[in-house]
């Protein structure tokens, strides 16, 4: 079961453990889900499209659009 991260600080600390980041953009609503895949768990973080673009541009791990 994926765990939801509630803040950007939690997302950034979990980022060090992740091997890949998946980006899922919703067509109907203004929500973007960023999913971090770690060895044991999948973490999700919901954000706005503008903030998601800023986060994705600063990542140093592989990013895949879903």
Protein backbone atom coordinates (compact mmCIF):
# COMPACT_ATOMS: atom_id res chain seq x y z
CA UNK A 1 0.00 0.00 0.00
CA UNK A 2 1.47 3.39 -0.92
CA UNK A 3 2.05 5.94 1.81
CA UNK A 4 1.01 9.55 1.29
CA UNK A 5 3.44 12.32 2.16
CA UNK A 6 1.75 15.43 3.53
CA UNK A 7 4.51 18.05 3.17
CA UNK A 8 7.31 19.03 0.83
CA UNK A 9 9.82 18.48 3.65
CA UNK A 10 8.79 14.82 3.96
CA UNK A 11 9.05 14.48 0.18
CA UNK A 12 12.58 15.90 0.10
CA UNK A 13 13.82 13.65 2.93
CA UNK A 14 12.35 10.55 1.27
CA UNK A 15 13.91 11.60 -2.04
CA UNK A 16 17.31 10.41 -0.85
CA UNK A 17 16.02 6.83 -0.58
CA UNK A 18 14.18 6.76 -3.92
CA UNK A 19 15.43 5.17 -7.12
CA UNK A 20 12.89 6.74 -9.50
CA UNK A 21 10.15 9.40 -9.47
CA UNK A 22 6.92 8.89 -11.39
CA UNK A 23 4.82 11.93 -12.36
CA UNK A 24 1.10 11.46 -12.93
CA UNK A 25 -0.80 14.47 -14.23
CA UNK A 26 -4.57 14.44 -13.89
CA UNK A 27 -6.50 15.58 -16.96
CA UNK A 28 -9.69 16.55 -15.13
CA UNK A 29 -8.37 18.25 -12.01
CA UNK A 30 -5.45 20.50 -11.16
CA UNK A 31 -3.58 17.86 -9.16
CA UNK A 32 -0.23 16.28 -9.94
CA UNK A 33 0.91 13.16 -8.11
CA UNK A 34 4.62 12.64 -7.58
CA UNK A 35 5.43 9.05 -6.72
CA UNK A 36 8.76 8.01 -5.22
CA UNK A 37 9.73 4.37 -5.60
CA UNK A 38 12.01 3.11 -2.84
CA UNK A 39 13.24 -0.40 -2.23
CA UNK A 40 10.41 -1.25 0.17
CA UNK A 41 7.57 1.23 -0.41
CA UNK A 42 5.92 3.64 -2.82
CA UNK A 43 5.37 7.19 -1.53
CA UNK A 44 2.96 9.67 -3.12
CA UNK A 45 2.78 13.43 -2.83
CA UNK A 46 -0.09 15.51 -4.27
CA UNK A 47 0.68 19.03 -5.44
CA UNK A 48 -0.19 21.75 -7.95
CA UNK A 49 1.18 21.68 -11.52
CA UNK A 50 3.34 24.76 -10.95
CA UNK A 51 4.99 23.37 -7.82
CA UNK A 52 5.38 19.95 -9.46
CA UNK A 53 7.31 21.48 -12.38
CA UNK A 54 9.68 23.21 -9.94
CA UNK A 55 10.25 20.00 -7.98
CA UNK A 56 10.78 17.82 -11.07
CA UNK A 57 13.31 20.25 -12.54
CA UNK A 58 15.41 20.05 -9.36
CA UNK A 59 15.45 16.24 -9.04
CA UNK A 60 18.65 14.30 -9.58
CA UNK A 61 17.01 10.87 -10.03
CA UNK A 62 15.30 9.47 -13.15
CA UNK A 63 11.82 10.92 -13.78
CA UNK A 64 9.13 9.06 -15.73
CA UNK A 65 5.79 10.52 -16.88
CA UNK A 66 2.87 8.14 -16.29
